């Protein structure tokens, strides 16, 4: 899957950073430089992909420990 970081600027000047194709918290690491350049974060909305990837990774780690 391709990794995409999309920056959206609303007509009122608000900016949004959206990521796709990243596993777990790697999306936050990948977009950190953009968030720093754009200023203070007002809110954060994590997608299902963030949680699904993290849950799948945790299951693999637990399965390997048995």
PDB file of N, CA and C in Angstrom:
ATOM      1  N   UNK A   1       0.838  -1.176   0.000  1.00  0.00           N
ATOM      2  CA  UNK A   1       0.000   0.000   0.000  1.00  0.00           C
ATOM      3  C   UNK A   1       0.886   1.243   0.000  1.00  0.00           C
ATOM      4  N   UNK A   2       0.484   2.252  -0.728  1.00  0.00           N
ATOM      5  CA  UNK A   2       1.216   3.510  -0.775  1.00  0.00           C
ATOM      6  C   UNK A   2       1.007   4.298   0.494  1.00  0.00           C
ATOM      7  N   UNK A   3       2.026   5.015   0.895  1.00  0.00           N
ATOM      8  CA  UNK A   3       1.925   5.905   2.052  1.00  0.00           C
ATOM      9  C   UNK A   3       1.687   7.319   1.536  1.00  0.00           C
ATOM     10  N   UNK A   4       0.674   7.965   2.080  1.00  0.00           N
ATOM     11  CA  UNK A   4       0.288   9.291   1.626  1.00  0.00           C
ATOM     12  C   UNK A   4       0.145  10.214   2.831  1.00  0.00           C
ATOM     13  N   UNK A   5       0.708  11.413   2.715  1.00  0.00           N
ATOM     14  CA  UNK A   5       0.486  12.478   3.687  1.00  0.00           C
ATOM     15  C   UNK A   5      -0.170  13.609   2.910  1.00  0.00           C
ATOM     16  N   UNK A   6      -1.382  13.947   3.314  1.00  0.00           N
ATOM     17  CA  UNK A   6      -2.148  14.968   2.612  1.00  0.00           C
ATOM     18  C   UNK A   6      -2.349  16.165   3.537  1.00  0.00           C
ATOM     19  N   UNK A   7      -2.067  17.360   3.021  1.00  0.00           N
ATOM     20  CA  UNK A   7      -2.290  18.591   3.769  1.00  0.00           C
ATOM     21  C   UNK A   7      -3.465  19.303   3.123  1.00  0.00           C
ATOM     22  N   UNK A   8      -4.490  19.579   3.913  1.00  0.00           N
ATOM     23  CA  UNK A   8      -5.710  20.227   3.428  1.00  0.00           C
ATOM     24  C   UNK A   8      -5.800  21.602   4.081  1.00  0.00           C
ATOM     25  N   UNK A   9      -6.014  22.639   3.271  1.00  0.00           N
ATOM     26  CA  UNK A   9      -6.191  23.995   3.772  1.00  0.00           C
ATOM     27  C   UNK A   9      -7.623  24.409   3.468  1.00  0.00           C
ATOM     28  N   UNK A  10      -8.386  24.731   4.513  1.00  0.00           N
ATOM     29  CA  UNK A  10      -9.784  25.121   4.345  1.00  0.00           C
ATOM     30  C   UNK A  10      -9.863  26.572   3.851  1.00  0.00           C
ATOM     31  N   UNK A  11     -11.021  26.983   3.361  1.00  0.00           N
ATOM     32  CA  UNK A  11     -11.199  28.371   2.927  1.00  0.00           C
ATOM     33  C   UNK A  11     -10.953  29.394   4.049  1.00  0.00           C
ATOM     34  N   UNK A  12     -11.094  28.960   5.302  1.00  0.00           N
ATOM     35  CA  UNK A  12     -10.865  29.861   6.438  1.00  0.00           C
ATOM     36  C   UNK A  12      -9.412  29.842   6.916  1.00  0.00           C
ATOM     37  N   UNK A  13      -8.565  29.042   6.270  1.00  0.00           N
ATOM     38  CA  UNK A  13      -7.147  29.000   6.616  1.00  0.00           C
ATOM     39  C   UNK A  13      -6.754  27.900   7.579  1.00  0.00           C
ATOM     40  N   UNK A  14      -7.698  27.131   8.046  1.00  0.00           N
ATOM     41  CA  UNK A  14      -7.365  26.004   8.923  1.00  0.00           C
ATOM     42  C   UNK A  14      -6.681  24.927   8.094  1.00  0.00           C
ATOM     43  N   UNK A  15      -5.695  24.274   8.684  1.00  0.00           N
ATOM     44  CA  UNK A  15      -4.993  23.199   7.978  1.00  0.00           C
ATOM     45  C   UNK A  15      -5.243  21.871   8.667  1.00  0.00           C
ATOM     46  N   UNK A  16      -5.294  20.850   7.872  1.00  0.00           N
ATOM     47  CA  UNK A  16      -5.496  19.484   8.347  1.00  0.00           C
ATOM     48  C   UNK A  16      -4.437  18.602   7.705  1.00  0.00           C
ATOM     49  N   UNK A  17      -3.859  17.719   8.479  1.00  0.00           N
ATOM     50  CA  UNK A  17      -2.893  16.747   7.972  1.00  0.00           C
ATOM     51  C   UNK A  17      -3.536  15.372   8.094  1.00  0.00           C
ATOM     52  N   UNK A  18      -3.649  14.679   6.972  1.00  0.00           N
ATOM     53  CA  UNK A  18      -4.223  13.337   6.956  1.00  0.00           C
ATOM     54  C   UNK A  18      -3.192  12.372   6.387  1.00  0.00           C
ATOM     55  N   UNK A  19      -3.079  11.212   7.018  1.00  0.00           N
ATOM     56  CA  UNK A  19      -2.147  10.193   6.536  1.00  0.00           C
ATOM     57  C   UNK A  19      -2.908   8.923   6.196  1.00  0.00           C
ATOM     58  N   UNK A  20      -2.379   8.199   5.233  1.00  0.00           N
ATOM     59  CA  UNK A  20      -2.958   6.907   4.840  1.00  0.00           C
ATOM     60  C   UNK A  20      -1.820   5.948   4.507  1.00  0.00           C
ATOM     61  N   UNK A  21      -2.036   4.684   4.836  1.00  0.00           N
ATOM     62  CA  UNK A  21      -1.070   3.654   4.495  1.00  0.00           C
ATOM     63  C   UNK A  21       0.037   3.448   5.508  1.00  0.00           C
ATOM     64  N   UNK A  22      -0.086   4.052   6.679  1.00  0.00           N
ATOM     65  CA  UNK A  22       0.921   3.901   7.722  1.00  0.00           C
ATOM     66  C   UNK A  22       0.408   2.935   8.779  1.00  0.00           C
ATOM     67  N   UNK A  23       1.295   2.170   9.379  1.00  0.00           N
ATOM     68  CA  UNK A  23       0.930   1.207  10.413  1.00  0.00           C
ATOM     69  C   UNK A  23       1.067   1.842  11.788  1.00  0.00           C
ATOM     70  N   UNK A  24       0.025   1.749  12.578  1.00  0.00           N
ATOM     71  CA  UNK A  24       0.065   2.235  13.958  1.00  0.00           C
ATOM     72  C   UNK A  24       0.500   3.681  14.064  1.00  0.00           C
ATOM     73  N   UNK A  25       1.388   3.958  14.988  1.00  0.00           N
ATOM     74  CA  UNK A  25       1.804   5.336  15.256  1.00  0.00           C
ATOM     75  C   UNK A  25       2.845   5.863  14.284  1.00  0.00           C
ATOM     76  N   UNK A  26       3.249   5.081  13.292  1.00  0.00           N
ATOM     77  CA  UNK A  26       4.231   5.585  12.325  1.00  0.00           C
ATOM     78  C   UNK A  26       3.690   6.774  11.554  1.00  0.00           C
ATOM     79  N   UNK A  27       2.365   6.905  11.454  1.00  0.00           N
ATOM     80  CA  UNK A  27       1.770   8.064  10.779  1.00  0.00           C
ATOM     81  C   UNK A  27       2.123   9.348  11.530  1.00  0.00           C
ATOM     82  N   UNK A  28       2.130   9.303  12.851  1.00  0.00           N
ATOM     83  CA  UNK A  28       2.453  10.486  13.643  1.00  0.00           C
ATOM     84  C   UNK A  28       3.920  10.873  13.464  1.00  0.00           C
ATOM     85  N   UNK A  29       4.788   9.886  13.398  1.00  0.00           N
ATOM     86  CA  UNK A  29       6.205  10.158  13.194  1.00  0.00           C
ATOM     87  C   UNK A  29       6.455  10.737  11.805  1.00  0.00           C
ATOM     88  N   UNK A  30       5.763  10.214  10.805  1.00  0.00           N
ATOM     89  CA  UNK A  30       5.963  10.657   9.428  1.00  0.00           C
ATOM     90  C   UNK A  30       5.464  12.080   9.200  1.00  0.00           C
ATOM     91  N   UNK A  31       4.398  12.476   9.887  1.00  0.00           N
ATOM     92  CA  UNK A  31       3.815  13.799   9.666  1.00  0.00           C
ATOM     93  C   UNK A  31       4.266  14.839  10.684  1.00  0.00           C
ATOM     94  N   UNK A  32       5.127  14.460  11.592  1.00  0.00           N
ATOM     95  CA  UNK A  32       5.566  15.351  12.665  1.00  0.00           C
ATOM     96  C   UNK A  32       6.189  16.637  12.122  1.00  0.00           C
ATOM     97  N   UNK A  33       6.993  16.555  11.063  1.00  0.00           N
ATOM     98  CA  UNK A  33       7.653  17.738  10.521  1.00  0.00           C
ATOM     99  C   UNK A  33       6.630  18.729   9.962  1.00  0.00           C
ATOM    100  N   UNK A  34       5.546  18.227   9.388  1.00  0.00           N
ATOM    101  CA  UNK A  34       4.499  19.113   8.872  1.00  0.00           C
ATOM    102  C   UNK A  34       3.740  19.782  10.007  1.00  0.00           C
ATOM    103  N   UNK A  35       3.412  19.027  11.012  1.00  0.00           N
ATOM    104  CA  UNK A  35       2.701  19.591  12.153  1.00  0.00           C
ATOM    105  C   UNK A  35       3.535  20.670  12.830  1.00  0.00           C
ATOM    106  N   UNK A  36       4.828  20.454  12.938  1.00  0.00           N
ATOM    107  CA  UNK A  36       5.709  21.456  13.544  1.00  0.00           C
ATOM    108  C   UNK A  36       5.741  22.727  12.692  1.00  0.00           C
ATOM    109  N   UNK A  37       5.754  22.579  11.386  1.00  0.00           N
ATOM    110  CA  UNK A  37       5.796  23.730  10.491  1.00  0.00           C
ATOM    111  C   UNK A  37       4.478  24.498  10.478  1.00  0.00           C
ATOM    112  N   UNK A  38       3.368  23.795  10.677  1.00  0.00           N
ATOM    113  CA  UNK A  38       2.049  24.429  10.601  1.00  0.00           C
ATOM    114  C   UNK A  38       1.622  25.092  11.908  1.00  0.00           C
ATOM    115  N   UNK A  39       2.253  24.753  13.013  1.00  0.00           N
ATOM    116  CA  UNK A  39       1.911  25.376  14.289  1.00  0.00           C
ATOM    117  C   UNK A  39       1.281  24.400  15.261  1.00  0.00           C
ATOM    118  N   UNK A  40       0.750  24.944  16.329  1.00  0.00           N
ATOM    119  CA  UNK A  40       0.194  24.126  17.408  1.00  0.00           C
ATOM    120  C   UNK A  40      -1.018  23.332  16.937  1.00  0.00           C
ATOM    121  N   UNK A  41      -1.092  22.100  17.380  1.00  0.00           N
ATOM    122  CA  UNK A  41      -2.206  21.216  17.043  1.00  0.00           C
ATOM    123  C   UNK A  41      -3.430  21.616  17.863  1.00  0.00           C
ATOM    124  N   UNK A  42      -4.549  21.751  17.187  1.00  0.00           N
ATOM    125  CA  UNK A  42      -5.802  22.078  17.859  1.00  0.00           C
ATOM    126  C   UNK A  42      -6.536  20.811  18.299  1.00  0.00           C
ATOM    127  N   UNK A  43      -6.466  19.777  17.473  1.00  0.00           N
ATOM    128  CA  UNK A  43      -7.160  18.527  17.773  1.00  0.00           C
ATOM    129  C   UNK A  43      -6.491  17.401  16.996  1.00  0.00           C
ATOM    130  N   UNK A  44      -6.753  16.183  17.421  1.00  0.00           N
ATOM    131  CA  UNK A  44      -6.224  15.011  16.728  1.00  0.00           C
ATOM    132  C   UNK A  44      -7.340  13.975  16.637  1.00  0.00           C
ATOM    133  N   UNK A  45      -7.525  13.443  15.452  1.00  0.00           N
ATOM    134  CA  UNK A  45      -8.518  12.390  15.242  1.00  0.00           C
ATOM    135  C   UNK A  45      -7.787  11.193  14.647  1.00  0.00           C
ATOM    136  N   UNK A  46      -7.736  10.122  15.395  1.00  0.00           N
ATOM    137  CA  UNK A  46      -7.056   8.916  14.937  1.00  0.00           C
ATOM    138  C   UNK A  46      -8.039   8.051  14.152  1.00  0.00           C
ATOM    139  N   UNK A  47      -7.565   7.491  13.055  1.00  0.00           N
ATOM    140  CA  UNK A  47      -8.421   6.676  12.200  1.00  0.00           C
ATOM    141  C   UNK A  47      -8.448   5.231  12.659  1.00  0.00           C
ATOM    142  N   UNK A  48      -9.349   4.454  12.104  1.00  0.00           N
ATOM    143  CA  UNK A  48      -9.432   3.022  12.403  1.00  0.00           C
ATOM    144  C   UNK A  48      -8.143   2.330  12.000  1.00  0.00           C
ATOM    145  N   UNK A  49      -7.511   2.799  10.929  1.00  0.00           N
ATOM    146  CA  UNK A  49      -6.249   2.213  10.466  1.00  0.00           C
ATOM    147  C   UNK A  49      -5.180   2.292  11.552  1.00  0.00           C
ATOM    148  N   UNK A  50      -5.160   3.369  12.304  1.00  0.00           N
ATOM    149  CA  UNK A  50      -4.212   3.522  13.404  1.00  0.00           C
ATOM    150  C   UNK A  50      -4.394   2.402  14.419  1.00  0.00           C
ATOM    151  N   UNK A  51      -5.623   2.138  14.814  1.00  0.00           N
ATOM    152  CA  UNK A  51      -5.908   1.126  15.827  1.00  0.00           C
ATOM    153  C   UNK A  51      -5.803  -0.294  15.287  1.00  0.00           C
ATOM    154  N   UNK A  52      -6.249  -0.528  14.057  1.00  0.00           N
ATOM    155  CA  UNK A  52      -6.176  -1.863  13.479  1.00  0.00           C
ATOM    156  C   UNK A  52      -4.731  -2.304  13.317  1.00  0.00           C
ATOM    157  N   UNK A  53      -3.901  -1.425  12.846  1.00  0.00           N
ATOM    158  CA  UNK A  53      -2.500  -1.763  12.652  1.00  0.00           C
ATOM    159  C   UNK A  53      -1.825  -2.045  13.978  1.00  0.00           C
ATOM    160  N   UNK A  54      -2.110  -1.240  14.971  1.00  0.00           N
ATOM    161  CA  UNK A  54      -1.518  -1.440  16.289  1.00  0.00           C
ATOM    162  C   UNK A  54      -2.005  -2.741  16.902  1.00  0.00           C
ATOM    163  N   UNK A  55      -3.293  -3.057  16.761  1.00  0.00           N
ATOM    164  CA  UNK A  55      -3.840  -4.293  17.315  1.00  0.00           C
ATOM    165  C   UNK A  55      -3.255  -5.512  16.613  1.00  0.00           C
ATOM    166  N   UNK A  56      -3.107  -5.461  15.310  1.00  0.00           N
ATOM    167  CA  UNK A  56      -2.543  -6.588  14.551  1.00  0.00           C
ATOM    168  C   UNK A  56      -1.095  -6.808  14.954  1.00  0.00           C
ATOM    169  N   UNK A  57      -0.333  -5.738  15.128  1.00  0.00           N
ATOM    170  CA  UNK A  57       1.063  -5.849  15.535  1.00  0.00           C
ATOM    171  C   UNK A  57       1.162  -6.477  16.918  1.00  0.00           C
ATOM    172  N   UNK A  58       0.288  -6.082  17.828  1.00  0.00           N
ATOM    173  CA  UNK A  58       0.296  -6.621  19.174  1.00  0.00           C
ATOM    174  C   UNK A  58      -0.024  -8.110  19.152  1.00  0.00           C
ATOM    175  N   UNK A  59      -0.963  -8.552  18.326  1.00  0.00           N
ATOM    176  CA  UNK A  59      -1.315  -9.968  18.224  1.00  0.00           C
ATOM    177  C   UNK A  59      -0.129 -10.780  17.723  1.00  0.00           C
ATOM    178  N   UNK A  60       0.606 -10.271  16.765  1.00  0.00           N
ATOM    179  CA  UNK A  60       1.791 -10.969  16.241  1.00  0.00           C
ATOM    180  C   UNK A  60       2.830 -11.109  17.336  1.00  0.00           C
ATOM    181  N   UNK A  61       3.071 -10.033  18.088  1.00  0.00           N
ATOM    182  CA  UNK A  61       4.052 -10.077  19.162  1.00  0.00           C
ATOM    183  C   UNK A  61       3.648 -11.071  20.249  1.00  0.00           C
ATOM    184  N   UNK A  62       2.374 -11.102  20.618  1.00  0.00           N
ATOM    185  CA  UNK A  62       1.897 -12.031  21.640  1.00  0.00           C
ATOM    186  C   UNK A  62       1.945 -13.464  21.130  1.00  0.00           C
ATOM    187  N   UNK A  63       1.629 -13.663  19.857  1.00  0.00           N
ATOM    188  CA  UNK A  63       1.649 -14.997  19.278  1.00  0.00           C
ATOM    189  C   UNK A  63       3.066 -15.581  19.231  1.00  0.00           C
ATOM    190  N   UNK A  64       4.057 -14.724  19.003  1.00  0.00           N
ATOM    191  CA  UNK A  64       5.439 -15.177  18.934  1.00  0.00           C
ATOM    192  C   UNK A  64       6.026 -15.534  20.293  1.00  0.00           C
ATOM    193  N   UNK A  65       5.439 -15.015  21.362  1.00  0.00           N
ATOM    194  CA  UNK A  65       5.956 -15.256  22.705  1.00  0.00           C
ATOM    195  C   UNK A  65       5.507 -16.595  23.265  1.00  0.00           C
ATOM    196  N   UNK A  66       4.500 -17.225  22.678  1.00  0.00           N
ATOM    197  CA  UNK A  66       3.968 -18.488  23.201  1.00  0.00           C
ATOM    198  C   UNK A  66       4.893 -19.637  22.965  1.00  0.00           C
TER     199      UNK A  66
END
